[in-house]
Amino acid sequence: MQTTFKIEGEYIELVKLLKITGLCDTGGMAKIVTAEGRISVDGHTELRKRCKIRRGQVVVFDDHAVEVV
């Protein structure tokens, strides 16, 4: 399943994106799944919780993908 998310500024931190889009219920859960290596950004595993996600990037968690626009 793929959705889109529009950011207002230049970027959004990965854990904030996971929480705002509903992929994770809490910020704590977002930090845990990121540390476990369950998140990929543009096809690469991302372990940095505060990774800056910018327009055009795709974040995947389990079978959900979010394209940032």
Protein backbone atom coordinates (compact mmCIF):
# COMPACT_ATOMS: atom_id res chain seq x y z
CA MET A 1 0.00 0.00 0.00
CA GLN A 2 1.41 3.40 -0.97
CA THR A 3 0.32 6.83 0.20
CA THR A 4 1.70 10.33 -0.21
CA PHE A 5 2.58 12.87 2.46
CA LYS A 6 3.10 16.56 1.76
CA ILE A 7 5.74 18.31 3.85
CA GLU A 8 5.58 22.02 4.52
CA GLY A 9 9.26 22.77 5.11
CA GLU A 10 12.50 21.52 3.61
CA TYR A 11 12.40 18.15 5.42
CA ILE A 12 10.79 16.07 8.17
CA GLU A 13 12.59 13.77 10.60
CA LEU A 14 12.00 10.08 9.97
CA VAL A 15 10.42 9.26 13.35
CA LYS A 16 8.06 12.24 13.06
CA LEU A 17 6.98 11.09 9.60
CA LEU A 18 6.28 7.58 10.87
CA LYS A 19 4.12 8.95 13.68
CA ILE A 20 2.26 11.61 11.65
CA THR A 21 1.39 9.19 8.84
CA GLY A 22 0.10 6.62 11.33
CA LEU A 23 2.64 3.95 10.45
CA CYS A 24 3.61 3.99 14.14
CA ASP A 25 1.26 4.79 17.01
CA THR A 26 3.88 6.63 19.07
CA GLY A 27 7.24 8.28 18.66
CA GLY A 28 8.71 5.59 20.91
CA MET A 29 7.47 2.85 18.61
CA ALA A 30 8.91 4.74 15.62
CA LYS A 31 12.32 4.87 17.32
CA ILE A 32 12.22 1.15 18.10
CA VAL A 33 11.29 -0.03 14.60
CA THR A 34 13.93 2.28 13.13
CA ALA A 35 16.62 0.93 15.48
CA GLU A 36 15.56 -2.62 14.57
CA GLY A 37 16.27 -1.89 10.89
CA ARG A 38 12.65 -2.31 9.80
CA ILE A 39 12.51 1.02 7.91
CA SER A 40 13.88 1.66 4.45
CA VAL A 41 14.33 4.96 2.67
CA ASP A 42 14.68 4.82 -1.10
CA GLY A 43 15.36 1.08 -0.91
CA HIS A 44 18.08 1.25 1.76
CA THR A 45 17.74 0.30 5.42
CA GLU A 46 17.73 3.45 7.57
CA LEU A 47 18.85 3.29 11.21
CA ARG A 48 19.05 7.04 11.92
CA LYS A 49 15.97 8.13 13.86
CA ARG A 50 16.41 11.78 12.92
CA CYS A 51 17.21 11.14 9.28
CA LYS A 52 15.99 14.09 7.21
CA ILE A 53 13.35 12.97 4.75
CA ARG A 54 12.89 15.29 1.79
CA ARG A 55 10.51 15.56 -1.16
CA GLY A 56 10.79 12.71 -3.64
CA GLN A 57 11.91 10.14 -1.09
CA VAL A 58 9.96 6.96 -0.34
CA VAL A 59 9.82 5.51 3.17
CA VAL A 60 8.76 1.86 3.59
CA PHE A 61 7.67 0.09 6.79
CA ASP A 62 6.39 -3.47 6.48
CA ASP A 63 4.03 -3.39 3.49
CA HIS A 64 3.30 0.35 3.68
CA ALA A 65 5.12 2.94 1.58
CA VAL A 66 4.93 6.71 1.96
CA GLU A 67 6.07 8.98 -0.85
CA VAL A 68 7.02 12.43 0.39
CA VAL A 69 5.88 15.27 -1.86
